[in-house]
PDB file of all heavy atoms in Angstrom:
ATOM      1  N   GLY A   1     -11.762   2.394  18.973  1.00  0.00           N
ATOM      2  CA  GLY A   1     -10.767   1.637  18.219  1.00  0.00           C
ATOM      3  C   GLY A   1      -9.348   1.989  18.581  1.00  0.00           C
ATOM      4  O   GLY A   1      -8.431   1.191  18.396  1.00  0.00           O
ATOM      5  N   GLY A   2      -9.134   3.216  19.078  1.00  0.00           N
ATOM      6  CA  GLY A   2      -7.811   3.613  19.532  1.00  0.00           C
ATOM      7  C   GLY A   2      -6.838   3.918  18.414  1.00  0.00           C
ATOM      8  O   GLY A   2      -7.193   3.983  17.232  1.00  0.00           O
ATOM      9  N   THR A   3      -5.583   4.087  18.807  1.00  0.00           N
ATOM     10  CA  THR A   3      -4.533   4.473  17.865  1.00  0.00           C
ATOM     11  C   THR A   3      -4.433   3.509  16.698  1.00  0.00           C
ATOM     12  O   THR A   3      -4.360   3.925  15.533  1.00  0.00           O
ATOM     13  CB  THR A   3      -3.179   4.555  18.586  1.00  0.00           C
ATOM     14  OG1 THR A   3      -3.252   5.556  19.604  1.00  0.00           O
ATOM     15  CG2 THR A   3      -2.066   4.915  17.614  1.00  0.00           C
ATOM     16  N   CYS A   4      -4.433   2.214  16.971  1.00  0.00           N
ATOM     17  CA  CYS A   4      -4.210   1.224  15.916  1.00  0.00           C
ATOM     18  C   CYS A   4      -5.260   1.312  14.829  1.00  0.00           C
ATOM     19  O   CYS A   4      -4.949   1.382  13.638  1.00  0.00           O
ATOM     20  CB  CYS A   4      -4.190  -0.180  16.520  1.00  0.00           C
ATOM     21  SG  CYS A   4      -3.952  -1.482  15.291  1.00  0.00           S
ATOM     22  N   VAL A   5      -6.515   1.328  15.209  1.00  0.00           N
ATOM     23  CA  VAL A   5      -7.600   1.289  14.230  1.00  0.00           C
ATOM     24  C   VAL A   5      -7.815   2.652  13.579  1.00  0.00           C
ATOM     25  O   VAL A   5      -8.038   2.744  12.368  1.00  0.00           O
ATOM     26  CB  VAL A   5      -8.911   0.815  14.904  1.00  0.00           C
ATOM     27  CG1 VAL A   5     -10.104   0.968  13.957  1.00  0.00           C
ATOM     28  CG2 VAL A   5      -8.772  -0.632  15.345  1.00  0.00           C
ATOM     29  N   ILE A   6      -7.728   3.723  14.357  1.00  0.00           N
ATOM     30  CA  ILE A   6      -8.131   5.040  13.881  1.00  0.00           C
ATOM     31  C   ILE A   6      -7.001   5.793  13.179  1.00  0.00           C
ATOM     32  O   ILE A   6      -7.200   6.422  12.134  1.00  0.00           O
ATOM     33  CB  ILE A   6      -8.660   5.897  15.045  1.00  0.00           C
ATOM     34  CG1 ILE A   6      -9.756   5.145  15.810  1.00  0.00           C
ATOM     35  CG2 ILE A   6      -9.179   7.240  14.538  1.00  0.00           C
ATOM     36  CD1 ILE A   6     -10.908   4.688  14.953  1.00  0.00           C
ATOM     37  N   ARG A   7      -5.798   5.754  13.748  1.00  0.00           N
ATOM     38  CA  ARG A   7      -4.726   6.610  13.232  1.00  0.00           C
ATOM     39  C   ARG A   7      -3.355   5.940  13.290  1.00  0.00           C
ATOM     40  O   ARG A   7      -2.340   6.607  13.412  1.00  0.00           O
ATOM     41  CB  ARG A   7      -4.684   7.924  14.014  1.00  0.00           C
ATOM     42  CG  ARG A   7      -4.468   7.763  15.506  1.00  0.00           C
ATOM     43  CD  ARG A   7      -4.656   9.050  16.269  1.00  0.00           C
ATOM     44  NE  ARG A   7      -6.042   9.435  16.273  1.00  0.00           N
ATOM     45  CZ  ARG A   7      -6.952   9.001  17.171  1.00  0.00           C
ATOM     46  NH1 ARG A   7      -6.572   8.143  18.120  1.00  0.00           N
ATOM     47  NH2 ARG A   7      -8.196   9.400  17.116  1.00  0.00           N
ATOM     48  N   GLY A   8      -3.357   4.608  13.236  1.00  0.00           N
ATOM     49  CA  GLY A   8      -2.081   3.911  13.332  1.00  0.00           C
ATOM     50  C   GLY A   8      -1.998   2.725  12.401  1.00  0.00           C
ATOM     51  O   GLY A   8      -2.045   2.866  11.175  1.00  0.00           O
ATOM     52  N   CYS A   9      -1.882   1.538  12.989  1.00  0.00           N
ATOM     53  CA  CYS A   9      -1.569   0.316  12.234  1.00  0.00           C
ATOM     54  C   CYS A   9      -2.442   0.114  11.007  1.00  0.00           C
ATOM     55  O   CYS A   9      -1.935  -0.131   9.903  1.00  0.00           O
ATOM     56  CB  CYS A   9      -1.714  -0.913  13.134  1.00  0.00           C
ATOM     57  SG  CYS A   9      -1.129  -0.719  14.814  1.00  0.00           S
ATOM     58  N   ILE A  10      -3.755   0.187  11.179  1.00  0.00           N
ATOM     59  CA  ILE A  10      -4.662  -0.173  10.091  1.00  0.00           C
ATOM     60  C   ILE A  10      -4.625   0.835   8.947  1.00  0.00           C
ATOM     61  O   ILE A  10      -4.330   0.458   7.798  1.00  0.00           O
ATOM     62  CB  ILE A  10      -6.091  -0.377  10.614  1.00  0.00           C
ATOM     63  CG1 ILE A  10      -6.132  -1.494  11.664  1.00  0.00           C
ATOM     64  CG2 ILE A  10      -7.039  -0.683   9.460  1.00  0.00           C
ATOM     65  CD1 ILE A  10      -5.637  -2.830  11.182  1.00  0.00           C
ATOM     66  N   PRO A  11      -4.911   2.117   9.182  1.00  0.00           N
ATOM     67  CA  PRO A  11      -4.857   3.048   8.045  1.00  0.00           C
ATOM     68  C   PRO A  11      -3.465   3.177   7.452  1.00  0.00           C
ATOM     69  O   PRO A  11      -3.312   3.347   6.234  1.00  0.00           O
ATOM     70  CB  PRO A  11      -5.341   4.378   8.645  1.00  0.00           C
ATOM     71  CG  PRO A  11      -5.161   4.230  10.111  1.00  0.00           C
ATOM     72  CD  PRO A  11      -5.353   2.785  10.413  1.00  0.00           C
ATOM     73  N   LYS A  12      -2.433   3.060   8.302  1.00  0.00           N
ATOM     74  CA  LYS A  12      -1.059   3.142   7.779  1.00  0.00           C
ATOM     75  C   LYS A  12      -0.763   1.970   6.853  1.00  0.00           C
ATOM     76  O   LYS A  12      -0.181   2.153   5.780  1.00  0.00           O
ATOM     77  CB  LYS A  12      -0.078   3.173   8.942  1.00  0.00           C
ATOM     78  CG  LYS A  12       1.389   3.217   8.537  1.00  0.00           C
ATOM     79  CD  LYS A  12       2.278   3.076   9.739  1.00  0.00           C
ATOM     80  CE  LYS A  12       2.123   1.703  10.378  1.00  0.00           C
ATOM     81  NZ  LYS A  12       2.965   1.536  11.597  1.00  0.00           N
ATOM     82  N   LYS A  13      -1.160   0.751   7.255  1.00  0.00           N
ATOM     83  CA  LYS A  13      -0.891  -0.417   6.416  1.00  0.00           C
ATOM     84  C   LYS A  13      -1.670  -0.326   5.101  1.00  0.00           C
ATOM     85  O   LYS A  13      -1.182  -0.763   4.048  1.00  0.00           O
ATOM     86  CB  LYS A  13      -1.266  -1.693   7.172  1.00  0.00           C
ATOM     87  CG  LYS A  13      -0.774  -2.990   6.506  1.00  0.00           C
ATOM     88  CD  LYS A  13       0.724  -3.101   6.532  1.00  0.00           C
ATOM     89  CE  LYS A  13       1.245  -4.390   5.903  1.00  0.00           C
ATOM     90  NZ  LYS A  13       0.886  -5.609   6.642  1.00  0.00           N
ATOM     91  N   LEU A  14      -2.862   0.264   5.134  1.00  0.00           N
ATOM     92  CA  LEU A  14      -3.617   0.459   3.889  1.00  0.00           C
ATOM     93  C   LEU A  14      -2.889   1.437   2.966  1.00  0.00           C
ATOM     94  O   LEU A  14      -2.877   1.260   1.743  1.00  0.00           O
ATOM     95  CB  LEU A  14      -5.031   0.947   4.199  1.00  0.00           C
ATOM     96  CG  LEU A  14      -5.932  -0.078   4.900  1.00  0.00           C
ATOM     97  CD1 LEU A  14      -7.249   0.572   5.317  1.00  0.00           C
ATOM     98  CD2 LEU A  14      -6.191  -1.287   4.000  1.00  0.00           C
ATOM     99  N   LEU A  15      -2.260   2.451   3.548  1.00  0.00           N
ATOM    100  CA  LEU A  15      -1.433   3.358   2.738  1.00  0.00           C
ATOM    101  C   LEU A  15      -0.232   2.624   2.160  1.00  0.00           C
ATOM    102  O   LEU A  15       0.170   2.874   1.014  1.00  0.00           O
ATOM    103  CB  LEU A  15      -0.957   4.544   3.588  1.00  0.00           C
ATOM    104  CG  LEU A  15      -1.973   5.635   3.899  1.00  0.00           C
ATOM    105  CD1 LEU A  15      -1.363   6.674   4.843  1.00  0.00           C
ATOM    106  CD2 LEU A  15      -2.457   6.325   2.621  1.00  0.00           C
ATOM    107  N   VAL A  16       0.351   1.734   2.956  1.00  0.00           N
ATOM    108  CA  VAL A  16       1.476   0.927   2.458  1.00  0.00           C
ATOM    109  C   VAL A  16       1.036   0.111   1.252  1.00  0.00           C
ATOM    110  O   VAL A  16       1.734   0.054   0.223  1.00  0.00           O
ATOM    111  CB  VAL A  16       2.022   0.001   3.566  1.00  0.00           C
ATOM    112  CG1 VAL A  16       3.000  -1.021   2.995  1.00  0.00           C
ATOM    113  CG2 VAL A  16       2.707   0.816   4.659  1.00  0.00           C
ATOM    114  N   TYR A  17      -0.132  -0.531   1.340  1.00  0.00           N
ATOM    115  CA  TYR A  17      -0.628  -1.325   0.209  1.00  0.00           C
ATOM    116  C   TYR A  17      -0.828  -0.450  -1.022  1.00  0.00           C
ATOM    117  O   TYR A  17      -0.523  -0.870  -2.150  1.00  0.00           O
ATOM    118  CB  TYR A  17      -1.939  -2.007   0.584  1.00  0.00           C
ATOM    119  CG  TYR A  17      -1.804  -3.142   1.565  1.00  0.00           C
ATOM    120  CD1 TYR A  17      -2.771  -3.364   2.544  1.00  0.00           C
ATOM    121  CD2 TYR A  17      -0.706  -4.006   1.533  1.00  0.00           C
ATOM    122  CE1 TYR A  17      -2.654  -4.411   3.446  1.00  0.00           C
ATOM    123  CE2 TYR A  17      -0.590  -5.046   2.428  1.00  0.00           C
ATOM    124  CZ  TYR A  17      -1.563  -5.249   3.386  1.00  0.00           C
ATOM    125  OH  TYR A  17      -1.447  -6.282   4.286  1.00  0.00           O
ATOM    126  N   GLY A  18      -1.348   0.761  -0.822  1.00  0.00           N
ATOM    127  CA  GLY A  18      -1.522   1.665  -1.957  1.00  0.00           C
ATOM    128  C   GLY A  18      -0.203   2.021  -2.605  1.00  0.00           C
ATOM    129  O   GLY A  18      -0.071   2.039  -3.835  1.00  0.00           O
ATOM    130  N   SER A  19       0.799   2.300  -1.766  1.00  0.00           N
ATOM    131  CA  SER A  19       2.128   2.618  -2.266  1.00  0.00           C
ATOM    132  C   SER A  19       2.736   1.436  -3.012  1.00  0.00           C
ATOM    133  O   SER A  19       3.350   1.599  -4.083  1.00  0.00           O
ATOM    134  CB  SER A  19       3.026   3.025  -1.093  1.00  0.00           C
ATOM    135  OG  SER A  19       4.341   3.272  -1.505  1.00  0.00           O
ATOM    136  N   GLN A  20       2.556   0.223  -2.468  1.00  0.00           N
ATOM    137  CA  GLN A  20       3.089  -0.973  -3.121  1.00  0.00           C
ATOM    138  C   GLN A  20       2.400  -1.234  -4.457  1.00  0.00           C
ATOM    139  O   GLN A  20       3.037  -1.699  -5.416  1.00  0.00           O
ATOM    140  CB  GLN A  20       2.925  -2.177  -2.200  1.00  0.00           C
ATOM    141  CG  GLN A  20       3.843  -2.159  -0.994  1.00  0.00           C
ATOM    142  CD  GLN A  20       3.553  -3.289  -0.027  1.00  0.00           C
ATOM    143  OE1 GLN A  20       2.463  -3.857  -0.020  1.00  0.00           O
ATOM    144  NE2 GLN A  20       4.530  -3.618   0.813  1.00  0.00           N
ATOM    145  N   ALA A  21       1.111  -0.931  -4.530  1.00  0.00           N
ATOM    146  CA  ALA A  21       0.386  -1.119  -5.787  1.00  0.00           C
ATOM    147  C   ALA A  21       0.961  -0.221  -6.878  1.00  0.00           C
ATOM    148  O   ALA A  21       1.109  -0.646  -8.035  1.00  0.00           O
ATOM    149  CB  ALA A  21      -1.106  -0.825  -5.586  1.00  0.00           C
ATOM    150  N   CYS A  22       1.303   1.003  -6.496  1.00  0.00           N
ATOM    151  CA  CYS A  22       1.917   1.916  -7.476  1.00  0.00           C
ATOM    152  C   CYS A  22       3.259   1.378  -7.952  1.00  0.00           C
ATOM    153  O   CYS A  22       3.569   1.410  -9.152  1.00  0.00           O
ATOM    154  CB  CYS A  22       2.105   3.294  -6.852  1.00  0.00           C
ATOM    155  SG  CYS A  22       0.582   4.176  -6.543  1.00  0.00           S
ATOM    156  N   THR A  23       4.061   0.872  -7.021  1.00  0.00           N
ATOM    157  CA  THR A  23       5.361   0.321  -7.382  1.00  0.00           C
ATOM    158  C   THR A  23       5.208  -0.874  -8.317  1.00  0.00           C
ATOM    159  O   THR A  23       5.946  -1.022  -9.302  1.00  0.00           O
ATOM    160  CB  THR A  23       6.121  -0.102  -6.111  1.00  0.00           C
ATOM    161  OG1 THR A  23       6.305   1.032  -5.265  1.00  0.00           O
ATOM    162  CG2 THR A  23       7.483  -0.682  -6.463  1.00  0.00           C
ATOM    163  N   ALA A  24       4.230  -1.735  -8.023  1.00  0.00           N
ATOM    164  CA  ALA A  24       3.997  -2.909  -8.869  1.00  0.00           C
ATOM    165  C   ALA A  24       3.598  -2.504 -10.287  1.00  0.00           C
ATOM    166  O   ALA A  24       4.026  -3.129 -11.270  1.00  0.00           O
ATOM    167  CB  ALA A  24       2.916  -3.786  -8.247  1.00  0.00           C
ATOM    168  N   LEU A  25       2.813  -1.463 -10.408  1.00  0.00           N
ATOM    169  CA  LEU A  25       2.409  -0.996 -11.733  1.00  0.00           C
ATOM    170  C   LEU A  25       3.608  -0.465 -12.513  1.00  0.00           C
ATOM    171  O   LEU A  25       3.732  -0.680 -13.726  1.00  0.00           O
ATOM    172  CB  LEU A  25       1.332   0.077 -11.603  1.00  0.00           C
ATOM    173  CG  LEU A  25      -0.044  -0.413 -11.116  1.00  0.00           C
ATOM    174  CD1 LEU A  25      -0.974   0.769 -10.876  1.00  0.00           C
ATOM    175  CD2 LEU A  25      -0.660  -1.374 -12.127  1.00  0.00           C
ATOM    176  N   HIS A  26       4.493   0.223 -11.822  1.00  0.00           N
ATOM    177  CA  HIS A  26       5.698   0.735 -12.498  1.00  0.00           C
ATOM    178  C   HIS A  26       6.616  -0.411 -12.930  1.00  0.00           C
ATOM    179  O   HIS A  26       7.336  -0.299 -13.925  1.00  0.00           O
ATOM    180  CB  HIS A  26       6.453   1.686 -11.567  1.00  0.00           C
ATOM    181  CG  HIS A  26       5.813   3.031 -11.427  1.00  0.00           C
ATOM    182  ND1 HIS A  26       5.665   3.901 -12.487  1.00  0.00           N
ATOM    183  CD2 HIS A  26       5.254   3.645 -10.357  1.00  0.00           C
ATOM    184  CE1 HIS A  26       5.066   5.012 -12.079  1.00  0.00           C
ATOM    185  NE2 HIS A  26       4.802   4.882 -10.790  1.00  0.00           N
ATOM    186  N   ASP A  27       6.578  -1.525 -12.195  1.00  0.00           N
ATOM    187  CA  ASP A  27       7.416  -2.681 -12.534  1.00  0.00           C
ATOM    188  C   ASP A  27       6.787  -3.585 -13.589  1.00  0.00           C
ATOM    189  O   ASP A  27       7.436  -4.520 -14.073  1.00  0.00           O
ATOM    190  CB  ASP A  27       7.684  -3.521 -11.283  1.00  0.00           C
ATOM    191  CG  ASP A  27       8.665  -2.845 -10.335  1.00  0.00           C
ATOM    192  OD1 ASP A  27       9.324  -1.879 -10.762  1.00  0.00           O
ATOM    193  OD2 ASP A  27       8.765  -3.295  -9.178  1.00  0.00           O
ATOM    194  N   ALA A  28       5.538  -3.321 -13.923  1.00  0.00           N
ATOM    195  CA  ALA A  28       4.794  -4.240 -14.795  1.00  0.00           C
ATOM    196  C   ALA A  28       5.469  -4.441 -16.152  1.00  0.00           C
ATOM    197  O   ALA A  28       5.417  -5.534 -16.729  1.00  0.00           O
ATOM    198  CB  ALA A  28       3.367  -3.733 -14.988  1.00  0.00           C
ATOM    199  N   GLU A  29       6.097  -3.411 -16.661  1.00  0.00           N
ATOM    200  CA  GLU A  29       6.719  -3.502 -17.991  1.00  0.00           C
ATOM    201  C   GLU A  29       7.776  -4.591 -18.041  1.00  0.00           C
ATOM    202  O   GLU A  29       7.969  -5.238 -19.080  1.00  0.00           O
ATOM    203  CB  GLU A  29       7.330  -2.148 -18.376  1.00  0.00           C
ATOM    204  CG  GLU A  29       7.840  -2.090 -19.804  1.00  0.00           C
ATOM    205  CD  GLU A  29       8.346  -0.713 -20.192  1.00  0.00           C
ATOM    206  OE1 GLU A  29       8.159   0.235 -19.412  1.00  0.00           O
ATOM    207  OE2 GLU A  29       8.944  -0.591 -21.286  1.00  0.00           O
ATOM    208  N   ALA A  30       8.472  -4.814 -16.912  1.00  0.00           N
ATOM    209  CA  ALA A  30       9.497  -5.854 -16.876  1.00  0.00           C
ATOM    210  C   ALA A  30       8.907  -7.240 -17.097  1.00  0.00           C
ATOM    211  O   ALA A  30       9.617  -8.168 -17.481  1.00  0.00           O
ATOM    212  CB  ALA A  30      10.241  -5.814 -15.537  1.00  0.00           C
ATOM    213  N   TYR A  31       7.594  -7.375 -16.874  1.00  0.00           N
ATOM    214  CA  TYR A  31       6.912  -8.660 -17.047  1.00  0.00           C
ATOM    215  C   TYR A  31       6.076  -8.688 -18.331  1.00  0.00           C
ATOM    216  O   TYR A  31       5.213  -9.544 -18.509  1.00  0.00           O
ATOM    217  CB  TYR A  31       6.019  -8.945 -15.839  1.00  0.00           C
ATOM    218  CG  TYR A  31       6.810  -9.141 -14.571  1.00  0.00           C
ATOM    219  CD1 TYR A  31       7.032  -8.085 -13.696  1.00  0.00           C
ATOM    220  CD2 TYR A  31       7.365 -10.370 -14.272  1.00  0.00           C
ATOM    221  CE1 TYR A  31       7.775  -8.253 -12.547  1.00  0.00           C
ATOM    222  CE2 TYR A  31       8.115 -10.553 -13.117  1.00  0.00           C
ATOM    223  CZ  TYR A  31       8.312  -9.496 -12.264  1.00  0.00           C
ATOM    224  OH  TYR A  31       9.062  -9.666 -11.128  1.00  0.00           O
ATOM    225  N   GLY A  32       6.343  -7.717 -19.202  1.00  0.00           N
ATOM    226  CA  GLY A  32       5.664  -7.687 -20.487  1.00  0.00           C
ATOM    227  C   GLY A  32       4.279  -7.102 -20.445  1.00  0.00           C
ATOM    228  O   GLY A  32       3.488  -7.283 -21.381  1.00  0.00           O
ATOM    229  N   ILE A  33       3.953  -6.393 -19.382  1.00  0.00           N
ATOM    230  CA  ILE A  33       2.635  -5.767 -19.248  1.00  0.00           C
ATOM    231  C   ILE A  33       2.785  -4.283 -19.525  1.00  0.00           C
ATOM    232  O   ILE A  33       3.530  -3.575 -18.839  1.00  0.00           O
ATOM    233  CB  ILE A  33       2.053  -5.988 -17.845  1.00  0.00           C
ATOM    234  CG1 ILE A  33       1.965  -7.488 -17.550  1.00  0.00           C
ATOM    235  CG2 ILE A  33       0.685  -5.334 -17.703  1.00  0.00           C
ATOM    236  CD1 ILE A  33       1.623  -7.806 -16.110  1.00  0.00           C
TER     237      ILE A  33
END
């Protein structure tokens, strides 16, 4: 799979999604959640 699949683009982007999910949860109160 190489750098992208094993230790680059793919796992990094999944970490980005995890980080964004945390940010969205912190913002939830602004939307009444």
